[in-house]
């Protein structure tokens, strides 16, 4: 039996503005350990787009909207969803990359689930202008509630893999100027379970010209988009906004508790230092030094917990 007979076809939709980074993106798809894959490259810039068939390597490769009009990010996503033939679907922008095991790592998380599942991985953030390509942030945390996702998007577009049948429950909102990916995940979260893999298997590059969370955005457009997004979901999920408030109060309570513990440790440390100044020279400092080191370690631990929230 061939690999294609036992392995499901995965469609990867690439919304492309024909950037110079496109080949790097395509190479990361060609290097995937999973087979088979179809690449659907949506020409979002419009007009002519470089589209040599060998760019997809050994995979099926199709270009959508070649010679057509420019498409918004939401329109380009829907154009790709409309023609995807795979049993599972993933998105990828033309200035980001996937690790070779990205798809093969996520696929079992859905195949072993009895319910509709969106599997997603962690994504490292790298500044493309940094010659050392140091990691500046990791996007990755489990989704515990709808309110958690409604409070803010923490799932980059190329982090998830999802079953194609979920297209019946979700479609990109073409009225949104921004946050269209966030809105799409919110739609999927109403009918599917999100499972986090606890592994980092993709890279999101900043410092480029991507329309995804740009480094120098049109802030007025962002404000309009956020108002439109929240107005939409407040009508649909009013109770979830109360849950967001509960999440805020829980986080505030934990932060206050940590701050109080840090203050207690700082006081204990100060008292120990004062006591040390009044000790006689012949005093055995071994016990005191051990206590002081323990207090310093505790202070460091609570400080790390506080500032990593």
C-alpha atoms as a PDB file:
ATOM      1  CA  UNK A   1       0.000   0.000   0.000  1.00  0.00           C
ATOM      2  CA  UNK A   2       1.438   3.405  -0.940  1.00  0.00           C
ATOM      3  CA  UNK A   3       2.057   6.230   1.495  1.00  0.00           C
ATOM      4  CA  UNK A   4      -0.641   8.304  -0.157  1.00  0.00           C
ATOM      5  CA  UNK A   5      -3.168   5.516   0.515  1.00  0.00           C
ATOM      6  CA  UNK A   6      -2.525   5.509   4.251  1.00  0.00           C
ATOM      7  CA  UNK A   7      -1.637   9.171   4.801  1.00  0.00           C
ATOM      8  CA  UNK A   8      -4.233  11.935   4.425  1.00  0.00           C
ATOM      9  CA  UNK A   9      -3.721  14.751   1.952  1.00  0.00           C
ATOM     10  CA  UNK A  10      -2.929  18.065   3.653  1.00  0.00           C
ATOM     11  CA  UNK A  11      -3.623  21.352   1.864  1.00  0.00           C
ATOM     12  CA  UNK A  12      -1.326  24.247   2.701  1.00  0.00           C
ATOM     13  CA  UNK A  13      -2.779  27.615   1.715  1.00  0.00           C
ATOM     14  CA  UNK A  14      -0.156  30.309   1.132  1.00  0.00           C
ATOM     15  CA  UNK A  15      -1.450  33.872   0.863  1.00  0.00           C
ATOM     16  CA  UNK A  16       1.277  35.426  -1.211  1.00  0.00           C
ATOM     17  CA  UNK A  17       2.266  38.996  -1.991  1.00  0.00           C
ATOM     18  CA  UNK A  18       5.094  37.637  -4.166  1.00  0.00           C
ATOM     19  CA  UNK A  19       7.757  38.619  -1.636  1.00  0.00           C
ATOM     20  CA  UNK A  20      11.420  37.722  -1.947  1.00  0.00           C
ATOM     21  CA  UNK A  21      10.973  35.365   1.014  1.00  0.00           C
ATOM     22  CA  UNK A  22       8.471  33.178  -0.868  1.00  0.00           C
ATOM     23  CA  UNK A  23      11.049  30.583  -1.940  1.00  0.00           C
ATOM     24  CA  UNK A  24      12.200  30.107   1.669  1.00  0.00           C
ATOM     25  CA  UNK A  25       8.580  29.558   2.674  1.00  0.00           C
ATOM     26  CA  UNK A  26       8.033  27.028  -0.112  1.00  0.00           C
ATOM     27  CA  UNK A  27      11.247  25.221   0.778  1.00  0.00           C
ATOM     28  CA  UNK A  28       9.971  24.759   4.319  1.00  0.00           C
ATOM     29  CA  UNK A  29       6.882  23.065   2.870  1.00  0.00           C
ATOM     30  CA  UNK A  30       8.952  20.875   0.557  1.00  0.00           C
ATOM     31  CA  UNK A  31      10.982  19.734   3.566  1.00  0.00           C
ATOM     32  CA  UNK A  32       7.944  18.434   5.451  1.00  0.00           C
ATOM     33  CA  UNK A  33       8.252  14.817   6.526  1.00  0.00           C
ATOM     34  CA  UNK A  34       4.538  14.256   5.922  1.00  0.00           C
ATOM     35  CA  UNK A  35       3.257  13.131   2.534  1.00  0.00           C
ATOM     36  CA  UNK A  36       1.128  13.903   0.550  1.00  0.00           C
ATOM     37  CA  UNK A  37       0.750  17.694   0.463  1.00  0.00           C
ATOM     38  CA  UNK A  38      -0.890  20.082  -1.963  1.00  0.00           C
ATOM     39  CA  UNK A  39       0.268  23.697  -2.067  1.00  0.00           C
ATOM     40  CA  UNK A  40      -2.362  26.298  -2.892  1.00  0.00           C
ATOM     41  CA  UNK A  41      -0.692  29.641  -3.518  1.00  0.00           C
ATOM     42  CA  UNK A  42      -3.201  32.480  -3.582  1.00  0.00           C
ATOM     43  CA  UNK A  43      -2.008  35.512  -5.528  1.00  0.00           C
ATOM     44  CA  UNK A  44      -3.105  38.229  -3.104  1.00  0.00           C
ATOM     45  CA  UNK A  45      -1.219  41.068  -4.788  1.00  0.00           C
ATOM     46  CA  UNK A  46      -3.109  40.614  -8.062  1.00  0.00           C
ATOM     47  CA  UNK A  47      -1.790  40.831 -11.586  1.00  0.00           C
ATOM     48  CA  UNK A  48       1.165  38.682 -12.581  1.00  0.00           C
ATOM     49  CA  UNK A  49       2.760  36.477  -9.947  1.00  0.00           C
ATOM     50  CA  UNK A  50       5.831  34.306 -10.292  1.00  0.00           C
ATOM     51  CA  UNK A  51       4.357  30.833 -10.341  1.00  0.00           C
ATOM     52  CA  UNK A  52       6.784  28.295 -11.756  1.00  0.00           C
ATOM     53  CA  UNK A  53       5.351  24.848 -11.144  1.00  0.00           C
ATOM     54  CA  UNK A  54       8.631  23.488  -9.772  1.00  0.00           C
ATOM     55  CA  UNK A  55       8.364  25.790  -6.771  1.00  0.00           C
ATOM     56  CA  UNK A  56       6.285  23.193  -5.017  1.00  0.00           C
ATOM     57  CA  UNK A  57       8.923  20.514  -5.449  1.00  0.00           C
ATOM     58  CA  UNK A  58       7.365  17.052  -5.561  1.00  0.00           C
ATOM     59  CA  UNK A  59       3.995  18.308  -4.323  1.00  0.00           C
ATOM     60  CA  UNK A  60       0.860  19.317  -6.163  1.00  0.00           C
ATOM     61  CA  UNK A  61       1.109  23.063  -6.774  1.00  0.00           C
ATOM     62  CA  UNK A  62      -1.673  25.415  -7.824  1.00  0.00           C
ATOM     63  CA  UNK A  63      -1.891  29.191  -8.160  1.00  0.00           C
ATOM     64  CA  UNK A  64      -5.232  30.880  -7.456  1.00  0.00           C
ATOM     65  CA  UNK A  65      -6.146  34.348  -8.795  1.00  0.00           C
ATOM     66  CA  UNK A  66      -3.310  34.525 -11.286  1.00  0.00           C
ATOM     67  CA  UNK A  67      -3.818  37.747 -13.255  1.00  0.00           C
ATOM     68  CA  UNK A  68      -6.751  38.738 -11.064  1.00  0.00           C
ATOM     69  CA  UNK A  69      -7.439  41.738  -8.857  1.00  0.00           C
ATOM     70  CA  UNK A  70      -5.658  42.327  -5.529  1.00  0.00           C
ATOM     71  CA  UNK A  71      -7.226  40.435  -2.629  1.00  0.00           C
ATOM     72  CA  UNK A  72      -7.463  41.328   1.033  1.00  0.00           C
ATOM     73  CA  UNK A  73      -6.038  38.819   3.475  1.00  0.00           C
ATOM     74  CA  UNK A  74      -9.531  37.535   4.296  1.00  0.00           C
ATOM     75  CA  UNK A  75     -10.477  37.261   0.612  1.00  0.00           C
ATOM     76  CA  UNK A  76      -7.246  35.408  -0.154  1.00  0.00           C
ATOM     77  CA  UNK A  77      -7.848  32.971   2.709  1.00  0.00           C
ATOM     78  CA  UNK A  78     -11.377  32.209   1.508  1.00  0.00           C
ATOM     79  CA  UNK A  79     -10.141  31.745  -2.056  1.00  0.00           C
ATOM     80  CA  UNK A  80      -7.741  29.093  -0.787  1.00  0.00           C
ATOM     81  CA  UNK A  81     -10.339  27.407   1.425  1.00  0.00           C
ATOM     82  CA  UNK A  82     -12.763  27.189  -1.515  1.00  0.00           C
ATOM     83  CA  UNK A  83     -10.418  25.038  -3.623  1.00  0.00           C
ATOM     84  CA  UNK A  84      -8.554  23.021  -0.958  1.00  0.00           C
ATOM     85  CA  UNK A  85      -8.932  19.278  -1.560  1.00  0.00           C
ATOM     86  CA  UNK A  86      -7.072  17.983   1.480  1.00  0.00           C
ATOM     87  CA  UNK A  87      -8.575  16.150   4.424  1.00  0.00           C
ATOM     88  CA  UNK A  88      -6.709  18.637   6.616  1.00  0.00           C
ATOM     89  CA  UNK A  89      -5.815  22.288   6.022  1.00  0.00           C
ATOM     90  CA  UNK A  90      -3.057  24.614   7.199  1.00  0.00           C
ATOM     91  CA  UNK A  91      -2.225  28.244   6.431  1.00  0.00           C
ATOM     92  CA  UNK A  92       1.191  29.776   5.807  1.00  0.00           C
ATOM     93  CA  UNK A  93       2.153  33.314   4.806  1.00  0.00           C
ATOM     94  CA  UNK A  94       4.908  33.886   2.278  1.00  0.00           C
ATOM     95  CA  UNK A  95       7.399  35.300   4.795  1.00  0.00           C
ATOM     96  CA  UNK A  96       7.147  32.603   7.492  1.00  0.00           C
ATOM     97  CA  UNK A  97       8.335  28.985   7.692  1.00  0.00           C
ATOM     98  CA  UNK A  98       7.473  25.560   9.086  1.00  0.00           C
ATOM     99  CA  UNK A  99       9.888  23.110  10.697  1.00  0.00           C
ATOM    100  CA  UNK A 100      10.164  19.787   8.799  1.00  0.00           C
ATOM    101  CA  UNK A 101       8.135  17.895  11.421  1.00  0.00           C
ATOM    102  CA  UNK A 102       5.377  20.497  11.831  1.00  0.00           C
ATOM    103  CA  UNK A 103       2.623  18.590  10.021  1.00  0.00           C
ATOM    104  CA  UNK A 104       3.686  15.105  11.089  1.00  0.00           C
ATOM    105  CA  UNK A 105       3.754  16.308  14.693  1.00  0.00           C
ATOM    106  CA  UNK A 106       0.246  17.808  14.653  1.00  0.00           C
ATOM    107  CA  UNK A 107      -1.584  15.194  12.601  1.00  0.00           C
ATOM    108  CA  UNK A 108      -1.726  12.439  15.295  1.00  0.00           C
ATOM    109  CA  UNK A 109      -3.307  14.882  17.756  1.00  0.00           C
ATOM    110  CA  UNK A 110      -6.373  15.085  15.508  1.00  0.00           C
ATOM    111  CA  UNK A 111      -6.451  11.507  14.307  1.00  0.00           C
ATOM    112  CA  UNK A 112      -6.645  10.181  17.873  1.00  0.00           C
ATOM    113  CA  UNK A 113      -9.418  12.578  18.886  1.00  0.00           C
ATOM    114  CA  UNK A 114     -13.075  11.542  18.809  1.00  0.00           C
ATOM    115  CA  UNK A 115     -14.244  15.129  18.342  1.00  0.00           C
ATOM    116  CA  UNK A 116     -13.476  17.851  15.792  1.00  0.00           C
ATOM    117  CA  UNK A 117     -10.050  19.069  16.816  1.00  0.00           C
ATOM    118  CA  UNK A 118      -7.780  21.934  15.835  1.00  0.00           C
ATOM    119  CA  UNK A 119      -4.195  21.004  16.684  1.00  0.00           C
ATOM    120  CA  UNK A 120      -1.673  23.804  17.012  1.00  0.00           C
ATOM    121  CA  UNK A 121       1.987  24.157  17.902  1.00  0.00           C
ATOM    122  CA  UNK A 122       4.183  26.815  19.407  1.00  0.00           C
ATOM    123  CA  UNK A 123       5.735  29.393  17.088  1.00  0.00           C
ATOM    124  CA  UNK A 124       9.070  31.113  17.678  1.00  0.00           C
ATOM    125  CA  UNK A 125       9.310  34.809  16.831  1.00  0.00           C
ATOM    126  CA  UNK A 126      12.497  35.954  15.079  1.00  0.00           C
ATOM    127  CA  UNK A 127      13.509  39.399  13.840  1.00  0.00           C
ATOM    128  CA  UNK A 128      14.516  38.926  10.216  1.00  0.00           C
ATOM    129  CA  UNK A 129      16.866  41.941  10.411  1.00  0.00           C
ATOM    130  CA  UNK A 130      18.880  40.303  13.214  1.00  0.00           C
ATOM    131  CA  UNK A 131      21.950  38.585  11.690  1.00  0.00           C
ATOM    132  CA  UNK A 132      21.984  36.103  14.580  1.00  0.00           C
ATOM    133  CA  UNK A 133      18.262  35.381  14.194  1.00  0.00           C
ATOM    134  CA  UNK A 134      17.778  35.291  17.948  1.00  0.00           C
ATOM    135  CA  UNK A 135      14.377  34.176  19.229  1.00  0.00           C
ATOM    136  CA  UNK A 136      12.564  37.177  20.699  1.00  0.00           C
ATOM    137  CA  UNK A 137       9.376  35.450  21.826  1.00  0.00           C
ATOM    138  CA  UNK A 138       7.500  32.163  21.805  1.00  0.00           C
ATOM    139  CA  UNK A 139       3.823  32.167  20.880  1.00  0.00           C
ATOM    140  CA  UNK A 140       2.426  29.103  22.556  1.00  0.00           C
ATOM    141  CA  UNK A 141       0.023  28.266  25.349  1.00  0.00           C
ATOM    142  CA  UNK A 142      -2.936  25.924  25.805  1.00  0.00           C
ATOM    143  CA  UNK A 143      -6.432  27.204  25.122  1.00  0.00           C
ATOM    144  CA  UNK A 144      -8.532  26.532  28.230  1.00  0.00           C
ATOM    145  CA  UNK A 145     -11.643  28.564  27.423  1.00  0.00           C
ATOM    146  CA  UNK A 146     -13.359  30.561  24.722  1.00  0.00           C
ATOM    147  CA  UNK A 147     -13.016  33.671  26.903  1.00  0.00           C
ATOM    148  CA  UNK A 148      -9.246  33.225  26.910  1.00  0.00           C
ATOM    149  CA  UNK A 149      -9.147  33.436  23.104  1.00  0.00           C
ATOM    150  CA  UNK A 150     -11.697  36.242  23.031  1.00  0.00           C
ATOM    151  CA  UNK A 151      -9.443  38.275  25.343  1.00  0.00           C
ATOM    152  CA  UNK A 152      -6.655  38.203  22.749  1.00  0.00           C
ATOM    153  CA  UNK A 153      -5.243  36.093  19.941  1.00  0.00           C
ATOM    154  CA  UNK A 154      -2.113  34.086  20.775  1.00  0.00           C
ATOM    155  CA  UNK A 155      -2.291  31.598  17.881  1.00  0.00           C
ATOM    156  CA  UNK A 156      -0.319  32.642  14.754  1.00  0.00           C
ATOM    157  CA  UNK A 157      -1.905  31.769  11.443  1.00  0.00           C
ATOM    158  CA  UNK A 158       0.540  28.945  10.623  1.00  0.00           C
ATOM    159  CA  UNK A 159       0.436  27.305  14.068  1.00  0.00           C
ATOM    160  CA  UNK A 160      -2.713  25.131  13.539  1.00  0.00           C
ATOM    161  CA  UNK A 161      -3.778  22.208  11.419  1.00  0.00           C
ATOM    162  CA  UNK A 162      -7.523  21.555  11.197  1.00  0.00           C
ATOM    163  CA  UNK A 163      -9.956  19.148   9.487  1.00  0.00           C
ATOM    164  CA  UNK A 164     -11.380  20.407   6.214  1.00  0.00           C
ATOM    165  CA  UNK A 165     -14.960  19.729   7.324  1.00  0.00           C
ATOM    166  CA  UNK A 166     -14.695  22.649   9.726  1.00  0.00           C
ATOM    167  CA  UNK A 167     -15.088  24.900   6.689  1.00  0.00           C
ATOM    168  CA  UNK A 168     -18.795  24.272   7.119  1.00  0.00           C
ATOM    169  CA  UNK A 169     -18.703  26.123  10.460  1.00  0.00           C
ATOM    170  CA  UNK A 170     -16.262  28.929   9.681  1.00  0.00           C
ATOM    171  CA  UNK A 171     -15.357  31.368   6.922  1.00  0.00           C
ATOM    172  CA  UNK A 172     -13.107  34.406   6.886  1.00  0.00           C
ATOM    173  CA  UNK A 173     -14.948  37.659   7.559  1.00  0.00           C
ATOM    174  CA  UNK A 174     -14.090  39.857   4.571  1.00  0.00           C
ATOM    175  CA  UNK A 175     -15.450  42.983   6.286  1.00  0.00           C
ATOM    176  CA  UNK A 176     -12.547  43.005   8.758  1.00  0.00           C
ATOM    177  CA  UNK A 177      -9.535  45.135   7.870  1.00  0.00           C
ATOM    178  CA  UNK A 178      -7.385  43.282  10.416  1.00  0.00           C
ATOM    179  CA  UNK A 179      -7.697  40.490  12.988  1.00  0.00           C
ATOM    180  CA  UNK A 180      -9.288  38.270  10.350  1.00  0.00           C
ATOM    181  CA  UNK A 181      -7.212  35.277  11.527  1.00  0.00           C
ATOM    182  CA  UNK A 182      -8.242  35.854  15.144  1.00  0.00           C
ATOM    183  CA  UNK A 183     -11.886  36.009  14.098  1.00  0.00           C
ATOM    184  CA  UNK A 184     -11.478  32.732  12.174  1.00  0.00           C
ATOM    185  CA  UNK A 185     -10.085  30.931  15.239  1.00  0.00           C
ATOM    186  CA  UNK A 186     -12.982  32.279  17.306  1.00  0.00           C
ATOM    187  CA  UNK A 187     -15.403  30.799  14.782  1.00  0.00           C
ATOM    188  CA  UNK A 188     -13.664  27.417  14.877  1.00  0.00           C
ATOM    189  CA  UNK A 189     -13.540  27.454  18.683  1.00  0.00           C
ATOM    190  CA  UNK A 190     -17.340  27.398  18.782  1.00  0.00           C
ATOM    191  CA  UNK A 191     -17.503  23.924  17.230  1.00  0.00           C
ATOM    192  CA  UNK A 192     -14.058  22.379  17.730  1.00  0.00           C
ATOM    193  CA  UNK A 193     -11.629  21.546  20.510  1.00  0.00           C
ATOM    194  CA  UNK A 194      -8.226  23.250  20.356  1.00  0.00           C
ATOM    195  CA  UNK A 195      -5.307  21.029  21.403  1.00  0.00           C
ATOM    196  CA  UNK A 196      -1.839  22.506  22.001  1.00  0.00           C
ATOM    197  CA  UNK A 197       1.118  20.262  21.214  1.00  0.00           C
ATOM    198  CA  UNK A 198       3.574  21.864  23.696  1.00  0.00           C
ATOM    199  CA  UNK A 199       6.235  21.848  20.966  1.00  0.00           C
ATOM    200  CA  UNK A 200       7.622  24.706  18.859  1.00  0.00           C
ATOM    201  CA  UNK A 201       7.572  23.738  15.180  1.00  0.00           C
ATOM    202  CA  UNK A 202       7.263  26.966  13.170  1.00  0.00           C
ATOM    203  CA  UNK A 203       8.819  30.417  12.819  1.00  0.00           C
ATOM    204  CA  UNK A 204       7.156  33.805  12.567  1.00  0.00           C
ATOM    205  CA  UNK A 205       9.425  36.521  11.193  1.00  0.00           C
ATOM    206  CA  UNK A 206       9.077  40.159  12.223  1.00  0.00           C
ATOM    207  CA  UNK A 207      10.774  43.140  10.651  1.00  0.00           C
ATOM    208  CA  UNK A 208       9.414  42.393   7.197  1.00  0.00           C
ATOM    209  CA  UNK A 209       6.409  43.644   5.278  1.00  0.00           C
ATOM    210  CA  UNK A 210       3.830  41.068   6.274  1.00  0.00           C
ATOM    211  CA  UNK A 211       0.303  42.227   6.890  1.00  0.00           C
ATOM    212  CA  UNK A 212       0.099  39.896   9.890  1.00  0.00           C
ATOM    213  CA  UNK A 213       0.632  41.915  13.065  1.00  0.00           C
ATOM    214  CA  UNK A 214       2.974  44.353  11.291  1.00  0.00           C
ATOM    215  CA  UNK A 215       5.589  46.139  13.329  1.00  0.00           C
ATOM    216  CA  UNK A 216       4.473  49.584  12.128  1.00  0.00           C
ATOM    217  CA  UNK A 217       0.738  49.200  11.532  1.00  0.00           C
ATOM    218  CA  UNK A 218      -1.894  51.740  10.633  1.00  0.00           C
ATOM    219  CA  UNK A 219      -3.105  52.238  14.207  1.00  0.00           C
ATOM    220  CA  UNK A 220      -6.369  53.851  13.151  1.00  0.00           C
ATOM    221  CA  UNK A 221      -7.163  50.824  10.977  1.00  0.00           C
ATOM    222  CA  UNK A 222      -6.254  48.557  13.909  1.00  0.00           C
ATOM    223  CA  UNK A 223      -8.607  50.473  16.209  1.00  0.00           C
ATOM    224  CA  UNK A 224     -11.417  50.232  13.678  1.00  0.00           C
ATOM    225  CA  UNK A 225     -10.811  46.523  13.243  1.00  0.00           C
ATOM    226  CA  UNK A 226     -10.750  45.867  16.983  1.00  0.00           C
ATOM    227  CA  UNK A 227     -14.002  47.775  17.460  1.00  0.00           C
ATOM    228  CA  UNK A 228     -15.625  45.817  14.626  1.00  0.00           C
ATOM    229  CA  UNK A 229     -14.357  42.502  15.969  1.00  0.00           C
ATOM    230  CA  UNK A 230     -15.550  43.105  19.521  1.00  0.00           C
ATOM    231  CA  UNK A 231     -18.886  44.515  18.353  1.00  0.00           C
ATOM    232  CA  UNK A 232     -19.420  41.315  16.385  1.00  0.00           C
ATOM    233  CA  UNK A 233     -18.559  38.938  19.209  1.00  0.00           C
ATOM    234  CA  UNK A 234     -20.299  40.925  21.943  1.00  0.00           C
ATOM    235  CA  UNK A 235     -23.554  40.330  20.093  1.00  0.00           C
ATOM    236  CA  UNK A 236     -22.845  36.611  19.799  1.00  0.00           C
ATOM    237  CA  UNK A 237     -21.183  35.836  23.128  1.00  0.00           C
ATOM    238  CA  UNK A 238     -22.207  38.392  25.785  1.00  0.00           C
ATOM    239  CA  UNK A 239     -21.642  35.930  28.666  1.00  0.00           C
ATOM    240  CA  UNK A 240     -18.079  35.304  27.522  1.00  0.00           C
ATOM    241  CA  UNK A 241     -17.183  38.944  28.149  1.00  0.00           C
ATOM    242  CA  UNK A 242     -18.156  38.385  31.782  1.00  0.00           C
ATOM    243  CA  UNK A 243     -15.791  35.400  31.753  1.00  0.00           C
ATOM    244  CA  UNK A 244     -13.036  37.681  30.427  1.00  0.00           C
ATOM    245  CA  UNK A 245     -13.640  39.904  33.452  1.00  0.00           C
ATOM    246  CA  UNK A 246     -13.328  36.859  35.704  1.00  0.00           C
ATOM    247  CA  UNK A 247     -10.023  35.942  34.049  1.00  0.00           C
ATOM    248  CA  UNK A 248      -8.765  39.463  34.677  1.00  0.00           C
ATOM    249  CA  UNK A 249      -9.700  39.396  38.364  1.00  0.00           C
ATOM    250  CA  UNK A 250      -8.117  35.954  38.823  1.00  0.00           C
ATOM    251  CA  UNK A 251      -4.877  37.149  37.232  1.00  0.00           C
ATOM    252  CA  UNK A 252      -4.917  40.335  39.328  1.00  0.00           C
ATOM    253  CA  UNK A 253      -5.374  38.326  42.531  1.00  0.00           C
ATOM    254  CA  UNK A 254      -2.458  36.038  41.666  1.00  0.00           C
ATOM    255  CA  UNK A 255      -0.272  39.031  40.819  1.00  0.00           C
ATOM    256  CA  UNK A 256      -1.126  40.737  44.116  1.00  0.00           C
ATOM    257  CA  UNK A 257      -0.326  37.561  46.046  1.00  0.00           C
ATOM    258  CA  UNK A 258       3.050  37.294  44.323  1.00  0.00           C
ATOM    259  CA  UNK A 259       3.815  40.947  45.004  1.00  0.00           C
ATOM    260  CA  UNK A 260       3.002  40.462  48.699  1.00  0.00           C
ATOM    261  CA  UNK A 261       5.261  37.411  48.877  1.00  0.00           C
ATOM    262  CA  UNK A 262       8.122  39.332  47.237  1.00  0.00           C
ATOM    263  CA  UNK A 263       7.629  42.148  49.759  1.00  0.00           C
ATOM    264  CA  UNK A 264       7.712  39.648  52.632  1.00  0.00           C
ATOM    265  CA  UNK A 265      10.948  38.121  51.365  1.00  0.00           C
ATOM    266  CA  UNK A 266      12.500  41.553  50.900  1.00  0.00           C
ATOM    267  CA  UNK A 267      11.602  42.432  54.517  1.00  0.00           C
ATOM    268  CA  UNK A 268      13.071  39.180  55.812  1.00  0.00           C
ATOM    269  CA  UNK A 269      16.246  39.816  53.846  1.00  0.00           C
ATOM    270  CA  UNK A 270      16.539  43.369  55.196  1.00  0.00           C
ATOM    271  CA  UNK A 271      16.035  42.134  58.771  1.00  0.00           C
ATOM    272  CA  UNK A 272      18.709  39.482  58.288  1.00  0.00           C
ATOM    273  CA  UNK A 273      21.145  42.067  56.965  1.00  0.00           C
ATOM    274  CA  UNK A 274      20.499  44.327  59.990  1.00  0.00           C
ATOM    275  CA  UNK A 275      20.991  41.391  62.349  1.00  0.00           C
ATOM    276  CA  UNK A 276      24.281  40.542  60.673  1.00  0.00           C
ATOM    277  CA  UNK A 277      25.626  44.038  61.277  1.00  0.00           C
ATOM    278  CA  UNK A 278      25.093  43.636  65.055  1.00  0.00           C
ATOM    279  CA  UNK A 279      26.604  40.176  65.398  1.00  0.00           C
ATOM    280  CA  UNK A 280      29.869  39.673  67.283  1.00  0.00           C
ATOM    281  CA  UNK A 281      33.000  38.943  65.226  1.00  0.00           C
ATOM    282  CA  UNK A 282      33.347  35.486  66.786  1.00  0.00           C
ATOM    283  CA  UNK A 283      29.850  34.445  65.676  1.00  0.00           C
ATOM    284  CA  UNK A 284      29.704  31.439  63.432  1.00  0.00           C
ATOM    285  CA  UNK A 285      28.258  32.840  60.191  1.00  0.00           C
ATOM    286  CA  UNK A 286      27.630  29.461  58.551  1.00  0.00           C
ATOM    287  CA  UNK A 287      23.997  29.200  59.589  1.00  0.00           C
ATOM    288  CA  UNK A 288      23.324  32.860  58.784  1.00  0.00           C
ATOM    289  CA  UNK A 289      24.861  32.620  55.333  1.00  0.00           C
ATOM    290  CA  UNK A 290      22.774  29.529  54.587  1.00  0.00           C
ATOM    291  CA  UNK A 291      19.600  31.365  55.623  1.00  0.00           C
ATOM    292  CA  UNK A 292      20.567  34.409  53.587  1.00  0.00           C
ATOM    293  CA  UNK A 293      21.188  32.323  50.469  1.00  0.00           C
ATOM    294  CA  UNK A 294      17.838  30.574  50.894  1.00  0.00           C
ATOM    295  CA  UNK A 295      16.036  33.912  51.156  1.00  0.00           C
ATOM    296  CA  UNK A 296      17.808  35.199  48.057  1.00  0.00           C
ATOM    297  CA  UNK A 297      16.812  32.103  46.092  1.00  0.00           C
ATOM    298  CA  UNK A 298      13.197  32.464  47.173  1.00  0.00           C
ATOM    299  CA  UNK A 299      13.196  36.127  46.244  1.00  0.00           C
ATOM    300  CA  UNK A 300      14.598  35.335  42.820  1.00  0.00           C
ATOM    301  CA  UNK A 301      12.002  32.598  42.248  1.00  0.00           C
ATOM    302  CA  UNK A 302       9.055  34.821  43.133  1.00  0.00           C
ATOM    303  CA  UNK A 303      10.468  37.691  41.108  1.00  0.00           C
ATOM    304  CA  UNK A 304      10.718  35.441  38.054  1.00  0.00           C
ATOM    305  CA  UNK A 305       7.148  34.268  38.560  1.00  0.00           C
ATOM    306  CA  UNK A 306       5.976  37.846  38.898  1.00  0.00           C
ATOM    307  CA  UNK A 307       7.647  39.256  35.808  1.00  0.00           C
ATOM    308  CA  UNK A 308       6.882  36.256  33.586  1.00  0.00           C
ATOM    309  CA  UNK A 309       3.131  36.657  34.000  1.00  0.00           C
END
